[in-house]
Protein backbone atom coordinates (compact mmCIF):
# COMPACT_ATOMS: atom_id res chain seq x y z
CA UNK A 1 0.24 0.28 -0.07
CA UNK A 2 1.16 3.39 -1.05
CA UNK A 3 2.02 5.27 2.24
CA UNK A 4 -0.21 7.95 3.44
CA UNK A 5 2.52 11.03 3.87
CA UNK A 6 5.42 11.03 1.72
CA UNK A 7 8.46 10.00 3.48
CA UNK A 8 12.08 12.31 2.90
CA UNK A 9 15.48 11.35 4.02
CA UNK A 10 16.85 14.86 4.66
CA UNK A 11 20.65 13.37 4.46
CA UNK A 12 19.39 12.61 1.01
CA UNK A 13 18.65 15.92 -0.13
CA UNK A 14 20.70 18.18 -2.32
CA UNK A 15 20.59 22.35 -1.34
CA UNK A 16 18.32 23.00 -3.71
CA UNK A 17 15.65 20.53 -2.78
CA UNK A 18 16.42 21.32 0.85
CA UNK A 19 15.47 25.23 0.34
CA UNK A 20 12.47 23.76 -1.90
CA UNK A 21 10.92 21.82 1.23
CA UNK A 22 10.03 25.08 3.34
CA UNK A 23 7.93 26.28 -0.24
CA UNK A 24 4.06 25.84 1.33
CA UNK A 25 1.59 24.81 -0.43
CA UNK A 26 0.53 27.92 -3.19
CA UNK A 27 -2.49 29.80 -1.22
CA UNK A 28 -4.25 30.92 -4.01
CA UNK A 29 -3.68 34.59 -5.69
CA UNK A 30 -5.14 34.14 -8.74
CA UNK A 31 -5.96 37.55 -10.80
CA UNK A 32 -9.61 36.19 -11.17
CA UNK A 33 -9.32 36.56 -6.99
CA UNK A 34 -7.99 39.57 -7.06
CA UNK A 35 -9.96 41.09 -9.43
CA UNK A 36 -13.50 39.36 -7.99
CA UNK A 37 -11.93 40.95 -4.54
CA UNK A 38 -11.41 44.63 -5.95
CA UNK A 39 -14.78 44.98 -7.50
CA UNK A 40 -16.71 43.73 -4.32
CA UNK A 41 -15.15 45.82 -2.32
CA UNK A 42 -15.94 48.84 -5.13
CA UNK A 43 -19.09 48.28 -4.70
CA UNK A 44 -19.20 48.16 -1.07
CA UNK A 45 -17.41 51.32 -0.76
CA UNK A 46 -19.86 53.08 -3.44
CA UNK A 47 -22.92 51.51 -2.90
CA UNK A 48 -22.83 50.17 1.06
CA UNK A 49 -25.33 47.95 2.05
CA UNK A 50 -27.07 47.45 -1.25
CA UNK A 51 -23.85 46.11 -2.34
CA UNK A 52 -23.91 43.88 0.88
CA UNK A 53 -27.29 42.85 0.16
CA UNK A 54 -26.66 42.08 -3.12
CA UNK A 55 -23.65 39.79 -2.26
CA UNK A 56 -25.66 37.91 0.47
CA UNK A 57 -27.71 36.82 -1.84
CA UNK A 58 -24.95 35.46 -4.45
CA UNK A 59 -22.73 33.88 -2.22
CA UNK A 60 -24.81 32.93 0.94
CA UNK A 61 -28.48 32.66 -1.17
CA UNK A 62 -30.46 34.76 1.72
CA UNK A 63 -32.20 37.72 1.53
CA UNK A 64 -31.14 39.89 4.40
CA UNK A 65 -33.11 42.89 5.60
CA UNK A 66 -31.42 44.09 8.56
CA UNK A 67 -27.34 42.82 8.58
CA UNK A 68 -27.28 43.62 12.79
CA UNK A 69 -28.46 41.16 15.09
CA UNK A 70 -30.84 41.77 17.55
CA UNK A 71 -30.62 42.25 21.04
CA UNK A 72 -33.54 39.64 21.72
CA UNK A 73 -32.13 37.43 19.48
CA UNK A 74 -28.58 37.53 21.09
CA UNK A 75 -30.12 37.16 24.52
CA UNK A 76 -32.54 34.13 23.06
CA UNK A 77 -29.12 32.37 22.25
CA UNK A 78 -28.41 32.08 25.71
CA UNK A 79 -31.18 29.78 26.20
CA UNK A 80 -30.52 27.82 22.83
CA UNK A 81 -27.17 26.89 23.68
CA UNK A 82 -27.16 23.84 26.03
CA UNK A 83 -25.28 23.84 29.39
CA UNK A 84 -23.25 21.31 28.16
CA UNK A 85 -21.40 24.03 25.79
CA UNK A 86 -21.74 26.83 27.80
CA UNK A 87 -19.68 25.40 30.20
CA UNK A 88 -17.11 24.29 28.00
CA UNK A 89 -17.19 28.07 26.50
CA UNK A 90 -17.03 29.58 30.05
CA UNK A 91 -13.66 27.27 31.05
CA UNK A 92 -12.14 28.26 28.08
CA UNK A 93 -13.05 32.15 28.48
CA UNK A 94 -11.12 31.77 31.83
CA UNK A 95 -7.97 30.28 30.95
CA UNK A 96 -7.95 32.97 28.02
CA UNK A 97 -8.63 36.12 30.18
CA UNK A 98 -5.96 35.11 32.83
CA UNK A 99 -3.13 34.37 30.20
CA UNK A 100 -4.15 37.56 28.15
CA UNK A 101 -4.45 39.86 31.77
CA UNK A 102 -1.21 38.49 32.20
CA UNK A 103 0.44 40.40 29.30
CA UNK A 104 -0.94 43.82 30.60
CA UNK A 105 1.72 46.42 30.23
CA UNK A 106 2.12 49.36 32.62
CA UNK A 107 2.56 52.49 31.36
CA UNK A 108 6.33 53.88 31.73
CA UNK A 109 7.64 57.19 33.45
CA UNK A 110 11.13 57.72 33.86
CA UNK A 111 13.81 60.93 34.07
CA UNK A 112 15.92 60.11 31.45
CA UNK A 113 18.18 63.05 32.53
CA UNK A 114 17.83 66.16 35.13
CA UNK A 115 14.89 67.81 33.57
CA UNK A 116 13.99 65.58 30.39
CA UNK A 117 10.99 62.96 31.47
CA UNK A 118 9.26 60.69 29.22
CA UNK A 119 6.52 58.47 29.31
CA UNK A 120 4.81 55.60 27.26
CA UNK A 121 1.24 55.48 27.57
CA UNK A 122 -0.77 52.15 26.77
CA UNK A 123 -4.04 52.96 25.14
CA UNK A 124 -6.85 50.67 23.58
CA UNK A 125 -7.72 50.63 19.64
CA UNK A 126 -11.13 52.56 19.95
CA UNK A 127 -13.37 50.17 17.31
CA UNK A 128 -12.06 46.90 16.10
CA UNK A 129 -13.87 44.24 13.75
CA UNK A 130 -13.65 40.74 14.49
CA UNK A 131 -14.01 38.37 11.42
CA UNK A 132 -15.44 34.61 12.44
CA UNK A 133 -15.24 32.79 9.20
CA UNK A 134 -18.58 30.27 8.57
CA UNK A 135 -16.70 27.25 6.40
CA UNK A 136 -17.32 23.57 7.58
CA UNK A 137 -18.41 24.49 11.24
CA UNK A 138 -18.79 27.59 13.35
CA UNK A 139 -15.67 28.52 14.90
CA UNK A 140 -16.37 29.78 18.54
CA UNK A 141 -13.40 29.35 19.64
CA UNK A 142 -12.03 31.83 16.91
CA UNK A 143 -14.92 34.38 18.56
CA UNK A 144 -13.24 33.92 22.30
CA UNK A 145 -9.60 34.50 20.88
CA UNK A 146 -10.58 37.98 19.35
CA UNK A 147 -13.02 38.80 21.81
CA UNK A 148 -11.40 38.35 24.96
CA UNK A 149 -8.30 40.16 24.40
CA UNK A 150 -10.35 43.13 22.83
CA UNK A 151 -12.46 43.37 25.82
CA UNK A 152 -9.19 43.48 28.37
CA UNK A 153 -7.60 45.97 26.26
CA UNK A 154 -10.41 48.38 26.73
CA UNK A 155 -11.75 48.67 23.20
CA UNK A 156 -14.98 50.76 23.17
CA UNK A 157 -16.63 49.45 19.91
CA UNK A 158 -16.15 46.10 19.03
CA UNK A 159 -17.64 44.59 16.02
CA UNK A 160 -18.21 41.08 14.88
CA UNK A 161 -19.20 39.97 11.62
CA UNK A 162 -19.79 36.58 10.62
CA UNK A 163 -21.52 34.88 7.22
CA UNK A 164 -25.25 33.68 7.51
CA UNK A 165 -26.52 31.81 9.21
CA UNK A 166 -25.04 32.51 12.75
CA UNK A 167 -25.21 29.88 15.30
CA UNK A 168 -26.36 30.09 18.40
CA UNK A 169 -22.95 29.19 20.04
CA UNK A 170 -21.39 31.77 18.27
CA UNK A 171 -23.96 34.70 19.44
CA UNK A 172 -23.55 33.70 22.85
CA UNK A 173 -19.93 33.26 22.94
CA UNK A 174 -19.84 36.75 21.60
CA UNK A 175 -22.08 38.18 24.00
CA UNK A 176 -20.58 36.42 26.92
CA UNK A 177 -17.02 37.97 25.92
CA UNK A 178 -18.50 41.80 25.47
CA UNK A 179 -18.54 42.09 22.08
CA UNK A 180 -21.17 45.29 21.14
CA UNK A 181 -22.76 44.71 17.89
CA UNK A 182 -23.18 41.47 15.85
CA UNK A 183 -23.47 41.39 11.85
CA UNK A 184 -24.83 38.74 9.67
CA UNK A 185 -22.54 38.81 7.06
CA UNK A 186 -19.61 37.46 5.53
CA UNK A 187 -16.40 37.47 2.93
CA UNK A 188 -14.85 39.99 1.58
CA UNK A 189 -17.92 41.92 1.53
CA UNK A 190 -17.99 41.67 5.11
CA UNK A 191 -14.18 43.06 5.13
CA UNK A 192 -15.04 45.82 3.19
CA UNK A 193 -17.79 47.06 5.28
CA UNK A 194 -15.65 47.07 8.26
CA UNK A 195 -12.89 49.03 6.42
CA UNK A 196 -15.18 51.67 4.59
CA UNK A 197 -18.32 51.31 6.60
CA UNK A 198 -21.95 51.73 5.41
CA UNK A 199 -25.00 53.03 6.82
CA UNK A 200 -25.51 49.81 8.87
CA UNK A 201 -22.30 48.53 9.95
CA UNK A 202 -19.67 51.22 11.57
CA UNK A 203 -15.79 51.53 10.02
CA UNK A 204 -13.26 50.33 12.38
CA UNK A 205 -9.82 50.93 13.08
CA UNK A 206 -8.94 47.37 12.57
CA UNK A 207 -9.39 43.95 11.38
CA UNK A 208 -8.69 40.65 12.93
CA UNK A 209 -9.56 37.36 12.18
CA UNK A 210 -8.74 34.58 9.71
CA UNK A 211 -10.36 33.54 6.21
CA UNK A 212 -10.48 31.94 2.81
CA UNK A 213 -8.25 33.32 0.16
CA UNK A 214 -11.23 36.07 -0.52
CA UNK A 215 -11.40 37.38 2.83
CA UNK A 216 -7.45 37.06 3.00
CA UNK A 217 -7.22 39.04 -0.32
CA UNK A 218 -9.53 41.58 1.03
CA UNK A 219 -7.65 42.43 3.63
CA UNK A 220 -4.61 42.77 2.03
CA UNK A 221 -6.49 45.44 -0.60
CA UNK A 222 -8.57 47.62 2.36
CA UNK A 223 -4.69 47.48 4.18
CA UNK A 224 -3.46 48.69 1.10
CA UNK A 225 -5.93 51.34 0.26
CA UNK A 226 -7.02 53.15 3.33
CA UNK A 227 -4.01 54.92 5.90
CA UNK A 228 -6.68 54.67 9.00
CA UNK A 229 -7.06 51.17 8.88
CA UNK A 230 -4.52 48.16 10.15
CA UNK A 231 -5.27 44.24 9.95
CA UNK A 232 -4.04 41.61 12.21
CA UNK A 233 -1.90 39.85 9.72
CA UNK A 234 -2.13 38.01 6.62
CA UNK A 235 -2.62 34.18 7.40
CA UNK A 236 -2.13 31.62 4.97
CA UNK A 237 -3.73 27.94 5.53
CA UNK A 238 -2.96 26.34 9.15
CA UNK A 239 0.40 24.00 9.69
CA UNK A 240 2.04 22.19 12.05
CA UNK A 241 5.40 20.46 12.71
CA UNK A 242 5.97 17.80 14.84
CA UNK A 243 9.21 16.44 16.78
CA UNK A 244 8.99 13.36 17.70
CA UNK A 245 11.77 10.61 18.99
CA UNK A 246 11.81 6.91 19.28
CA UNK A 247 9.61 6.78 22.52
CA UNK A 248 6.59 9.11 21.23
CA UNK A 249 3.35 7.67 21.11
CA UNK A 250 2.79 7.46 17.51
CA UNK A 251 -0.99 7.52 18.16
CA UNK A 252 -0.58 10.77 19.93
CA UNK A 253 1.60 11.84 17.09
CA UNK A 254 -0.82 10.57 14.12
CA UNK A 255 -3.44 12.06 15.60
CA UNK A 256 -1.93 15.58 15.89
CA UNK A 257 -0.97 15.32 12.31
CA UNK A 258 -4.57 14.61 11.76
CA UNK A 259 -6.16 17.41 13.98
CA UNK A 260 -4.23 19.74 11.97
CA UNK A 261 -5.08 18.60 8.49
CA UNK A 262 -8.53 18.73 9.01
CA UNK A 263 -8.19 22.44 9.04
CA UNK A 264 -8.59 22.67 5.55
CA UNK A 265 -7.14 21.30 2.17
CA UNK A 266 -4.51 23.51 1.74
CA UNK A 267 -2.96 22.98 5.49
CA UNK A 268 0.16 21.17 5.50
CA UNK A 269 1.69 18.89 8.22
CA UNK A 270 5.09 17.53 8.86
CA UNK A 271 6.69 15.08 11.15
CA UNK A 272 10.47 15.44 12.08
CA UNK A 273 12.36 12.23 13.46
CA UNK A 274 15.39 10.57 13.37
CA UNK A 275 13.65 6.77 14.06
CA UNK A 276 12.44 5.11 11.31
CA UNK A 277 10.19 2.44 13.55
CA UNK A 278 8.43 5.52 14.54
CA UNK A 279 8.01 6.45 10.98
CA UNK A 280 6.29 3.11 10.14
CA UNK A 281 4.02 2.90 13.74
CA UNK A 282 2.66 6.91 12.68
CA UNK A 283 1.92 5.95 9.05
CA UNK A 284 0.16 2.80 10.11
CA UNK A 285 -1.66 5.27 12.88
CA UNK A 286 -2.42 7.62 10.29
CA UNK A 287 -4.13 4.92 8.21
CA UNK A 288 -6.28 3.47 11.28
CA UNK A 289 -7.16 7.08 12.54
CA UNK A 290 -8.06 8.63 9.18
CA UNK A 291 -10.54 5.63 8.10
CA UNK A 292 -12.79 6.63 11.15
CA UNK A 293 -12.87 10.64 10.49
CA UNK A 294 -15.81 11.66 9.12
CA UNK A 295 -13.59 15.02 7.06
CA UNK A 296 -11.29 12.03 5.62
CA UNK A 297 -11.61 12.93 2.10
CA UNK A 298 -10.83 16.86 3.07
CA UNK A 299 -7.69 15.46 5.10
CA UNK A 300 -6.32 13.26 2.38
CA UNK A 301 -5.98 16.59 -0.18
CA UNK A 302 -4.02 18.31 3.10
CA UNK A 303 -1.91 15.30 3.30
CA UNK A 304 -0.93 15.15 -0.25
CA UNK A 305 0.93 18.61 0.60
CA UNK A 306 2.61 17.31 3.50
CA UNK A 307 5.55 14.74 4.69
CA UNK A 308 7.37 12.94 7.15
CA UNK A 309 11.34 13.72 6.90
CA UNK A 310 14.07 11.27 8.30
CA UNK A 311 16.90 13.23 10.51
CA UNK A 312 20.10 12.14 11.69
CA UNK A 313 19.29 13.06 15.14
CA UNK A 314 16.61 15.96 17.39
CA UNK A 315 19.24 18.44 16.47
CA UNK A 316 18.90 18.14 13.11
CA UNK A 317 14.94 18.45 13.85
CA UNK A 318 15.20 21.31 15.61
CA UNK A 319 17.55 23.22 12.60
CA UNK A 320 15.20 22.47 9.94
CA UNK A 321 12.30 23.54 12.25
CA UNK A 322 13.93 26.85 12.78
CA UNK A 323 14.33 27.37 9.13
CA UNK A 324 10.67 26.25 8.55
CA UNK A 325 9.29 28.46 11.09
CA UNK A 326 6.10 26.81 11.81
CA UNK A 327 2.84 28.14 12.89
CA UNK A 328 2.36 25.03 15.35
CA UNK A 329 5.70 23.47 16.81
CA UNK A 330 4.58 20.12 18.83
CA UNK A 331 8.03 18.62 20.46
CA UNK A 332 7.07 15.57 21.47
CA UNK A 333 9.99 13.81 22.62
CA UNK A 334 11.14 12.67 26.07
CA UNK A 335 13.41 16.05 26.67
CA UNK A 336 11.01 18.27 25.66
CA UNK A 337 11.73 20.79 27.99
CA UNK A 338 15.43 20.72 27.17
CA UNK A 339 14.98 21.30 23.42
CA UNK A 340 13.00 24.41 23.97
CA UNK A 341 15.82 26.74 24.36
CA UNK A 342 17.35 25.77 20.86
CA UNK A 343 13.92 26.60 19.48
CA UNK A 344 14.31 30.34 17.54
CA UNK A 345 11.29 30.20 15.29
CA UNK A 346 7.73 29.14 16.13
CA UNK A 347 4.29 31.02 16.24
CA UNK A 348 3.37 28.57 19.23
CA UNK A 349 5.01 25.71 20.94
CA UNK A 350 3.72 22.41 22.69
CA UNK A 351 5.80 20.21 24.75
CA UNK A 352 5.49 16.91 25.58
CA UNK A 353 3.15 13.85 24.67
CA UNK A 354 0.20 15.37 26.60
CA UNK A 355 0.51 19.01 24.88
CA UNK A 356 -2.33 18.25 22.34
CA UNK A 357 -1.98 21.18 19.62
CA UNK A 358 -5.85 20.53 19.91
CA UNK A 359 -5.71 22.38 23.15
CA UNK A 360 -4.07 25.50 22.37
CA UNK A 361 -6.67 25.62 19.65
CA UNK A 362 -9.58 25.73 22.31
CA UNK A 363 -9.26 26.31 25.80
CA UNK A 364 -5.37 26.55 27.23
CA UNK A 365 -5.23 30.42 26.91
CA UNK A 366 -2.68 31.29 24.84
CA UNK A 367 -3.94 32.99 21.39
CA UNK A 368 -4.61 31.07 18.27
CA UNK A 369 -4.36 33.40 15.84
CA UNK A 370 -0.57 32.71 14.78
CA UNK A 371 1.85 33.98 11.78
CA UNK A 372 1.77 30.83 9.01
CA UNK A 373 3.73 30.13 5.64
CA UNK A 374 7.31 30.82 7.46
CA UNK A 375 6.07 34.43 9.08
CA UNK A 376 6.84 33.35 11.98
CA UNK A 377 10.36 33.89 12.16
CA UNK A 378 9.64 37.61 12.05
CA UNK A 379 6.09 37.81 13.73
CA UNK A 380 4.39 36.83 16.65
CA UNK A 381 1.32 35.37 17.59
CA UNK A 382 -1.85 37.71 18.45
CA UNK A 383 -1.74 39.01 21.95
CA UNK A 384 -3.13 42.06 23.96
CA UNK A 385 -0.77 44.42 22.29
CA UNK A 386 -2.60 43.86 18.62
CA UNK A 387 -5.51 45.51 20.59
CA UNK A 388 -3.29 48.50 22.03
CA UNK A 389 -1.31 51.19 20.85
CA UNK A 390 1.66 52.95 22.71
CA UNK A 391 2.20 56.53 23.04
CA UNK A 392 5.07 58.67 24.10
CA UNK A 393 5.05 61.81 26.03
CA UNK A 394 7.71 64.13 26.79
CA UNK A 395 7.75 67.12 29.09
CA UNK A 396 11.19 69.06 29.51
CA UNK A 397 11.85 71.55 32.00
CA UNK A 398 14.04 74.88 31.31
CA UNK A 399 17.16 73.16 33.21
CA UNK A 400 16.07 69.72 31.03
CA UNK A 401 16.05 72.02 27.80
CA UNK A 402 19.39 73.74 28.26
CA UNK A 403 21.15 70.27 29.13
CA UNK A 404 20.10 69.03 25.69
CA UNK A 405 20.22 72.36 23.74
CA UNK A 406 23.96 71.60 22.64
CA UNK A 407 23.43 67.92 21.73
CA UNK A 408 20.16 68.81 19.65
CA UNK A 409 21.91 71.64 17.66
CA UNK A 410 24.88 69.60 16.67
CA UNK A 411 22.78 66.62 15.37
CA UNK A 412 20.40 68.90 13.82
CA UNK A 413 23.49 71.04 11.99
CA UNK A 414 24.91 67.62 10.85
CA UNK A 415 21.46 67.09 8.94
CA UNK A 416 21.46 70.51 7.96
CA UNK A 417 17.77 71.00 9.33
CA UNK A 418 17.82 74.80 9.85
CA UNK A 419 14.11 75.46 11.10
CA UNK A 420 15.16 72.41 13.65
CA UNK A 421 17.96 74.37 14.79
CA UNK A 422 15.98 77.53 14.77
CA UNK A 423 13.46 76.28 17.41
CA UNK A 424 16.44 75.24 19.52
CA UNK A 425 18.23 78.65 19.09
CA UNK A 426 15.17 81.08 19.43
CA UNK A 427 14.40 79.29 23.43
CA UNK A 428 17.82 79.61 24.37
CA UNK A 429 17.75 83.54 23.19
CA UNK A 430 14.44 84.08 25.35
CA UNK A 431 16.16 82.52 27.96
CA UNK A 432 19.46 84.88 27.57
CA UNK A 433 16.89 87.96 27.59
CA UNK A 434 17.51 88.38 23.85
CA UNK A 435 14.64 88.09 22.67
């Protein structure tokens, strides 16, 4: 039987082939997608809610008169969601809150030299838009990961958009997390509405949340069109890299690979190990577990873009992982904690056999919105500071001004910035009583 995952021997690869390994599956940005998104954005920008209603009919086959979910319907979700589901949501919120509250930064206030006082103030981004995809299932976990830090940051206007029909679970989660307004609109048109605003949907300052290639392309385009708008990140398909040794449990390793592959057909999963015995056991487990999963056809598409790399030792595994810079990194080895100090690039790390990445997706606390496509080499996962701004404040006394004036004059003269120099000279003349 053909292996469900391609096996690669790292030592047999050429330099070119090793570099090629790190190229992710193509995340489609065809001209057709670009032009379609450009048209949607233009229509929403010009026609507002009229365009939104047209695209809801085209893409969601729904005629929507009011995009805003009523307070009665939101309140009703509290009765329509089972207590078991409520308990799970509230338990996850507790952990996510606890971890993000610990990220709170105090304002800075220091005297850098006599008479020169510098401050850094932390202020919330006033209005944020949270996009929750529809797709294969309602992503309640994404509601929690976005709205909890937005609330902790103190954002005064938290807007949520999601494709129709929005489930009671999403409505309940958004309500208990402090979302202010919920709108039943999805796709590129939702991103455009949040970016430019319509009669119904208010414009926001920053847009958060994952989505398909149309949503991602829409975030890219509105970010380029507007100077007063930011986005969280341009995330591609989800990915996981697992480092395992001969003593790793193949059942757990296989289950983690399949769990990540379930995210979508363009997801990528990779196993790095110096153990041929483990590779064979994991391949058997993949076959056994995949057969029992309802989304096996989707998972197979993801596995076709994935592979196992046989390495010389664990150090080589770490070096490969740092080059790949995975969104999720699972270190399922007997000495996982000892290997942590050598990890440079990863979005989020899971140590040991009991640290399933699935737990991180839902409820352990750290945010699951993470950099993909190798961006973990330069970017971090979402955190509280992404919902805040840092503002610097400077106050000088006359003494402080006099003490630093010669430094500033010299530097401004080097740069031939005469107006800058003049602003200092005029104050010095005033102090000396010349003017």
